[in-house]
C-alpha atoms as a PDB file:
ATOM      1  CA  MET A   1       0.000   0.000   0.000  1.00  0.00           C
ATOM      2  CA  ALA A   2       2.793   2.440   0.900  1.00  0.00           C
ATOM      3  CA  ARG A   3       4.468   1.594  -2.421  1.00  0.00           C
ATOM      4  CA  GLY A   4       1.260   2.514  -4.284  1.00  0.00           C
ATOM      5  CA  ILE A   5       1.022   5.879  -2.486  1.00  0.00           C
ATOM      6  CA  HIS A   6       4.683   6.578  -3.241  1.00  0.00           C
ATOM      7  CA  ARG A   7       4.175   5.672  -6.923  1.00  0.00           C
ATOM      8  CA  ARG A   8       1.138   7.975  -7.145  1.00  0.00           C
ATOM      9  CA  ARG A   9       3.075  10.835  -5.524  1.00  0.00           C
ATOM     10  CA  VAL A  10       5.992  10.400  -7.952  1.00  0.00           C
ATOM     11  CA  SER A  11       3.632  10.393 -10.948  1.00  0.00           C
ATOM     12  CA  VAL A  12       1.883  13.556  -9.674  1.00  0.00           C
ATOM     13  CA  VAL A  13       5.249  15.305  -9.205  1.00  0.00           C
ATOM     14  CA  THR A  14       6.419  14.242 -12.685  1.00  0.00           C
ATOM     15  CA  ALA A  15       3.170  15.346 -14.348  1.00  0.00           C
ATOM     16  CA  LYS A  16       3.203  18.628 -12.419  1.00  0.00           C
ATOM     17  CA  ARG A  17       6.773  19.385 -13.532  1.00  0.00           C
ATOM     18  CA  ALA A  18       5.937  18.685 -17.187  1.00  0.00           C
ATOM     19  CA  PHE A  19       2.822  20.876 -16.882  1.00  0.00           C
ATOM     20  CA  ASP A  20       4.884  23.667 -15.276  1.00  0.00           C
ATOM     21  CA  LEU A  21       7.510  23.591 -18.028  1.00  0.00           C
ATOM     22  CA  ILE A  22       5.015  23.651 -20.899  1.00  0.00           C
ATOM     23  CA  ILE A  23       2.753  26.352 -19.444  1.00  0.00           C
ATOM     24  CA  ALA A  24       5.594  28.553 -18.102  1.00  0.00           C
ATOM     25  CA  ALA A  25       7.429  28.501 -21.459  1.00  0.00           C
ATOM     26  CA  ALA A  26       4.207  29.361 -23.318  1.00  0.00           C
ATOM     27  CA  MET A  27       3.320  32.117 -20.836  1.00  0.00           C
ATOM     28  CA  LEU A  28       6.802  33.636 -21.102  1.00  0.00           C
ATOM     29  CA  ALA A  29       6.488  33.795 -24.881  1.00  0.00           C
ATOM     30  CA  VAL A  30       2.976  35.285 -24.791  1.00  0.00           C
ATOM     31  CA  THR A  31       3.548  37.762 -21.955  1.00  0.00           C
ATOM     32  CA  SER A  32       7.020  39.043 -22.901  1.00  0.00           C
ATOM     33  CA  PRO A  33       5.610  42.208 -24.589  1.00  0.00           C
ATOM     34  CA  VAL A  34       3.597  42.941 -21.420  1.00  0.00           C
ATOM     35  CA  VAL A  35       6.668  42.455 -19.224  1.00  0.00           C
ATOM     36  CA  LEU A  36       8.722  44.710 -21.502  1.00  0.00           C
ATOM     37  CA  ALA A  37       6.050  47.440 -21.337  1.00  0.00           C
ATOM     38  CA  ALA A  38       5.931  47.084 -17.532  1.00  0.00           C
ATOM     39  CA  ILE A  39       9.731  47.352 -17.296  1.00  0.00           C
ATOM     40  CA  LEU A  40       9.669  50.559 -19.352  1.00  0.00           C
ATOM     41  CA  ALA A  41       6.863  52.000 -17.191  1.00  0.00           C
ATOM     42  CA  ILE A  42       8.724  51.176 -13.969  1.00  0.00           C
ATOM     43  CA  ARG A  43      11.978  52.719 -15.218  1.00  0.00           C
ATOM     44  CA  ALA A  44      10.176  55.842 -16.473  1.00  0.00           C
ATOM     45  CA  THR A  45       8.349  56.524 -13.203  1.00  0.00           C
ATOM     46  CA  SER A  46      10.751  55.595 -10.400  1.00  0.00           C
ATOM     47  CA  PRO A  47      14.506  55.219  -9.986  1.00  0.00           C
ATOM     48  CA  GLY A  48      16.050  51.791  -9.601  1.00  0.00           C
ATOM     49  CA  PRO A  49      15.995  48.459 -11.399  1.00  0.00           C
ATOM     50  CA  ALA A  50      12.728  47.171 -12.845  1.00  0.00           C
ATOM     51  CA  ILE A  51      13.340  43.578 -11.759  1.00  0.00           C
ATOM     52  CA  PHE A  52      13.425  42.962  -8.028  1.00  0.00           C
ATOM     53  CA  SER A  53      15.023  39.801  -6.638  1.00  0.00           C
ATOM     54  CA  GLN A  54      14.483  38.783  -3.035  1.00  0.00           C
ATOM     55  CA  ARG A  55      15.639  35.804  -0.976  1.00  0.00           C
ATOM     56  CA  ARG A  56      12.704  33.502  -0.308  1.00  0.00           C
ATOM     57  CA  VAL A  57      12.210  30.132   1.344  1.00  0.00           C
ATOM     58  CA  GLY A  58      11.845  27.282  -1.135  1.00  0.00           C
ATOM     59  CA  ARG A  59      11.472  23.520  -0.984  1.00  0.00           C
ATOM     60  CA  GLN A  60      12.929  21.931   2.166  1.00  0.00           C
ATOM     61  CA  GLY A  61      13.701  25.436   3.474  1.00  0.00           C
ATOM     62  CA  ALA A  62      16.385  26.162   0.848  1.00  0.00           C
ATOM     63  CA  LEU A  63      16.750  29.850  -0.007  1.00  0.00           C
ATOM     64  CA  PHE A  64      16.482  31.072  -3.582  1.00  0.00           C
ATOM     65  CA  ALA A  65      16.249  34.393  -5.425  1.00  0.00           C
ATOM     66  CA  CYS A  66      12.586  35.023  -6.258  1.00  0.00           C
ATOM     67  CA  HIS A  67      12.123  37.485  -9.139  1.00  0.00           C
ATOM     68  CA  LYS A  68       9.354  40.065  -9.477  1.00  0.00           C
ATOM     69  CA  LEU A  69       8.729  43.323 -11.251  1.00  0.00           C
ATOM     70  CA  ARG A  70       9.490  46.063  -8.723  1.00  0.00           C
ATOM     71  CA  THR A  71       6.287  47.596  -7.353  1.00  0.00           C
ATOM     72  CA  MET A  72       7.756  49.554  -4.433  1.00  0.00           C
ATOM     73  CA  HIS A  73      10.131  52.458  -4.147  1.00  0.00           C
ATOM     74  CA  GLN A  74      13.760  51.363  -4.287  1.00  0.00           C
ATOM     75  CA  ASP A  75      14.555  52.225  -0.646  1.00  0.00           C
ATOM     76  CA  THR A  76      11.659  50.213   0.862  1.00  0.00           C
ATOM     77  CA  PRO A  77      12.850  47.758   3.556  1.00  0.00           C
ATOM     78  CA  SER A  78      12.539  44.041   2.783  1.00  0.00           C
ATOM     79  CA  LEU A  79       9.255  43.219   4.520  1.00  0.00           C
ATOM     80  CA  PRO A  80       6.371  40.841   3.854  1.00  0.00           C
ATOM     81  CA  THR A  81       3.813  42.540   1.594  1.00  0.00           C
ATOM     82  CA  HIS A  82       1.200  42.769   4.361  1.00  0.00           C
ATOM     83  CA  GLU A  83       3.695  44.650   6.591  1.00  0.00           C
ATOM     84  CA  ALA A  84       4.969  47.147   4.003  1.00  0.00           C
ATOM     85  CA  PRO A  85       3.432  50.640   4.221  1.00  0.00           C
ATOM     86  CA  ALA A  86       0.911  51.352   1.464  1.00  0.00           C
ATOM     87  CA  SER A  87       2.849  54.532   0.637  1.00  0.00           C
ATOM     88  CA  SER A  88       5.836  52.411  -0.425  1.00  0.00           C
ATOM     89  CA  VAL A  89       3.949  51.089  -3.482  1.00  0.00           C
ATOM     90  CA  THR A  90       4.455  53.147  -6.650  1.00  0.00           C
ATOM     91  CA  ALA A  91       1.572  54.200  -8.909  1.00  0.00           C
ATOM     92  CA  VAL A  92       2.721  51.737 -11.570  1.00  0.00           C
ATOM     93  CA  GLY A  93       3.218  49.138  -8.827  1.00  0.00           C
ATOM     94  CA  LYS A  94      -0.448  49.369  -7.816  1.00  0.00           C
ATOM     95  CA  VAL A  95      -1.497  48.446 -11.353  1.00  0.00           C
ATOM     96  CA  LEU A  96       1.066  45.659 -11.627  1.00  0.00           C
ATOM     97  CA  ARG A  97      -0.008  44.151  -8.297  1.00  0.00           C
ATOM     98  CA  GLY A  98      -3.710  44.442  -9.073  1.00  0.00           C
ATOM     99  CA  THR A  99      -3.278  42.587 -12.354  1.00  0.00           C
ATOM    100  CA  LYS A 100      -0.627  40.155 -10.997  1.00  0.00           C
ATOM    101  CA  ILE A 101       1.720  41.217 -13.809  1.00  0.00           C
ATOM    102  CA  ASP A 102       4.419  41.804 -11.166  1.00  0.00           C
ATOM    103  CA  GLU A 103       4.629  38.020 -10.672  1.00  0.00           C
ATOM    104  CA  LEU A 104       5.447  37.186 -14.320  1.00  0.00           C
ATOM    105  CA  PRO A 105       9.273  37.138 -13.861  1.00  0.00           C
ATOM    106  CA  GLN A 106       8.718  34.172 -11.523  1.00  0.00           C
ATOM    107  CA  LEU A 107       8.077  32.114 -14.647  1.00  0.00           C
ATOM    108  CA  TRP A 108      11.903  32.010 -14.899  1.00  0.00           C
ATOM    109  CA  ASN A 109      11.973  30.566 -11.372  1.00  0.00           C
ATOM    110  CA  VAL A 110       9.527  27.912 -12.589  1.00  0.00           C
ATOM    111  CA  LEU A 111      11.679  27.010 -15.586  1.00  0.00           C
ATOM    112  CA  LYS A 112      14.744  26.768 -13.325  1.00  0.00           C
ATOM    113  CA  GLY A 113      12.906  24.322 -11.039  1.00  0.00           C
ATOM    114  CA  GLU A 114      12.911  26.656  -8.019  1.00  0.00           C
ATOM    115  CA  MET A 115       9.156  27.213  -8.121  1.00  0.00           C
ATOM    116  CA  SER A 116       6.002  25.669  -9.506  1.00  0.00           C
ATOM    117  CA  LEU A 117       3.122  27.528 -11.139  1.00  0.00           C
ATOM    118  CA  VAL A 118       0.918  26.509  -8.207  1.00  0.00           C
ATOM    119  CA  GLY A 119       1.992  25.852  -4.638  1.00  0.00           C
ATOM    120  CA  PRO A 120       2.438  27.630  -1.320  1.00  0.00           C
ATOM    121  CA  ARG A 121       3.640  31.204  -1.909  1.00  0.00           C
ATOM    122  CA  PRO A 122       7.316  31.533  -0.924  1.00  0.00           C
ATOM    123  CA  CYS A 123       7.842  33.542   2.233  1.00  0.00           C
ATOM    124  CA  LEU A 124      10.760  35.566   3.540  1.00  0.00           C
ATOM    125  CA  PRO A 125      13.312  33.847   5.811  1.00  0.00           C
ATOM    126  CA  THR A 126      12.234  36.252   8.591  1.00  0.00           C
ATOM    127  CA  GLN A 127       8.686  34.822   8.644  1.00  0.00           C
ATOM    128  CA  THR A 128       9.736  32.189  11.163  1.00  0.00           C
ATOM    129  CA  GLU A 129       6.280  31.335  12.524  1.00  0.00           C
ATOM    130  CA  LEU A 130       4.945  30.570   9.052  1.00  0.00           C
ATOM    131  CA  ILE A 131       8.064  28.566   8.162  1.00  0.00           C
ATOM    132  CA  GLU A 132       7.779  26.471  11.335  1.00  0.00           C
ATOM    133  CA  ARG A 133       4.048  25.813  10.810  1.00  0.00           C
ATOM    134  CA  ARG A 134       4.737  24.806   7.201  1.00  0.00           C
ATOM    135  CA  ARG A 135       7.542  22.511   8.369  1.00  0.00           C
ATOM    136  CA  GLN A 136       5.209  20.826  10.911  1.00  0.00           C
ATOM    137  CA  LEU A 137       2.572  20.255   8.208  1.00  0.00           C
ATOM    138  CA  ASP A 138       5.109  19.013   5.611  1.00  0.00           C
ATOM    139  CA  VAL A 139       4.357  21.956   3.309  1.00  0.00           C
ATOM    140  CA  LEU A 140       8.069  22.612   2.759  1.00  0.00           C
ATOM    141  CA  ALA A 141       8.305  19.247   0.960  1.00  0.00           C
ATOM    142  CA  VAL A 142       6.922  20.859  -2.226  1.00  0.00           C
ATOM    143  CA  LEU A 143       8.059  23.677  -4.477  1.00  0.00           C
ATOM    144  CA  PRO A 144       6.596  27.089  -3.697  1.00  0.00           C
ATOM    145  CA  GLY A 145       4.201  28.504  -6.274  1.00  0.00           C
ATOM    146  CA  VAL A 146       3.646  31.651  -8.294  1.00  0.00           C
ATOM    147  CA  THR A 147       0.081  31.379  -7.016  1.00  0.00           C
ATOM    148  CA  GLY A 148      -1.688  29.067  -4.623  1.00  0.00           C
ATOM    149  CA  LEU A 149      -4.861  27.976  -2.914  1.00  0.00           C
ATOM    150  CA  ALA A 150      -4.416  30.514  -0.104  1.00  0.00           C
ATOM    151  CA  GLN A 151      -4.202  33.363  -2.633  1.00  0.00           C
ATOM    152  CA  ILE A 152      -7.443  32.534  -4.410  1.00  0.00           C
ATOM    153  CA  LYS A 153      -9.131  32.186  -1.010  1.00  0.00           C
ATOM    154  CA  GLY A 154      -7.871  35.663  -0.055  1.00  0.00           C
ATOM    155  CA  ILE A 155      -5.625  34.381   2.762  1.00  0.00           C
ATOM    156  CA  ASP A 156      -2.335  36.209   3.114  1.00  0.00           C
ATOM    157  CA  MET A 157       0.705  35.480   5.225  1.00  0.00           C
ATOM    158  CA  SER A 158      -0.442  37.767   8.033  1.00  0.00           C
ATOM    159  CA  ASP A 159      -2.247  34.725   9.507  1.00  0.00           C
ATOM    160  CA  PRO A 160       0.548  32.094   9.577  1.00  0.00           C
ATOM    161  CA  ARG A 161      -1.639  29.335  11.047  1.00  0.00           C
ATOM    162  CA  LEU A 162      -4.457  29.654   8.498  1.00  0.00           C
ATOM    163  CA  CYS A 163      -2.018  30.171   5.626  1.00  0.00           C
ATOM    164  CA  ALA A 164      -0.006  27.038   6.530  1.00  0.00           C
ATOM    165  CA  GLU A 165      -3.161  24.941   7.022  1.00  0.00           C
ATOM    166  CA  THR A 166      -4.505  26.042   3.638  1.00  0.00           C
ATOM    167  CA  ASP A 167      -1.141  25.268   2.044  1.00  0.00           C
ATOM    168  CA  ALA A 168      -1.202  21.809   3.663  1.00  0.00           C
ATOM    169  CA  ALA A 169      -4.711  21.165   2.319  1.00  0.00           C
ATOM    170  CA  TYR A 170      -3.401  21.965  -1.173  1.00  0.00           C
ATOM    171  CA  VAL A 171      -0.370  19.672  -0.772  1.00  0.00           C
ATOM    172  CA  LYS A 172      -2.599  16.741   0.263  1.00  0.00           C
ATOM    173  CA  THR A 173      -4.902  17.101  -2.754  1.00  0.00           C
ATOM    174  CA  ALA A 174      -2.482  18.428  -5.411  1.00  0.00           C
ATOM    175  CA  SER A 175      -3.289  17.444  -8.984  1.00  0.00           C
ATOM    176  CA  ILE A 176      -3.078  18.957 -12.454  1.00  0.00           C
ATOM    177  CA  GLY A 177      -6.846  19.542 -12.361  1.00  0.00           C
ATOM    178  CA  LEU A 178      -6.598  21.461  -9.088  1.00  0.00           C
ATOM    179  CA  ASP A 179      -3.654  23.474 -10.440  1.00  0.00           C
ATOM    180  CA  VAL A 180      -5.691  24.462 -13.503  1.00  0.00           C
ATOM    181  CA  LYS A 181      -8.584  25.584 -11.255  1.00  0.00           C
ATOM    182  CA  ILE A 182      -6.220  27.666  -9.091  1.00  0.00           C
ATOM    183  CA  LEU A 183      -4.541  29.253 -12.140  1.00  0.00           C
ATOM    184  CA  LEU A 184      -7.931  30.161 -13.602  1.00  0.00           C
ATOM    185  CA  GLY A 185      -9.084  31.462 -10.198  1.00  0.00           C
ATOM    186  CA  THR A 186      -5.978  33.650  -9.980  1.00  0.00           C
ATOM    187  CA  PHE A 187      -6.551  34.989 -13.486  1.00  0.00           C
ATOM    188  CA  TYR A 188     -10.209  35.847 -12.847  1.00  0.00           C
ATOM    189  CA  ARG A 189      -9.423  37.320  -9.429  1.00  0.00           C
ATOM    190  CA  ALA A 190      -6.790  39.609 -11.029  1.00  0.00           C
ATOM    191  CA  ARG A 191      -9.239  40.668 -13.760  1.00  0.00           C
ATOM    192  CA  ALA A 192     -11.871  41.553 -11.160  1.00  0.00           C
ATOM    193  CA  ALA A 193      -9.422  43.670  -9.131  1.00  0.00           C
END
């Protein structure tokens, strides 16, 4: 029985990786003009680089550089989004966040195998309570995602317990079908914003 569960888990991981590679490569090709326009808008309206890289916690607690389009002023301290002052977000950044365009550079993280399209959102190494709760619930066993179940349910990292429990519920039921539903939910949520 344990062998059957292990085999199923391996096949889900393999299928998920193939799905991630195909969709991320296609999305990069389709969205590259949008990313280029966003980069130009960021550079024209605020000083500093357009791409922002930040150390985040990945699978098994390993740190990696998570890439995003910069939505905050260059001198903003490295804080979780829910702790950053609203005044630190640029005018262009508000649009990029509302449409989720700021997350598109993470498609490179997906292609590199550091992230998945869907999974628990990667947190900062300073978010120790969330990291510990995720460790207890075996959430750190999977790749973090560009989007996840907690995001489409409107749960952010300000509630570490609820966030980790929602992430764990996703990990237990992960499938390509669920990933497609979460991706579509993210897309429609961004369009409604």
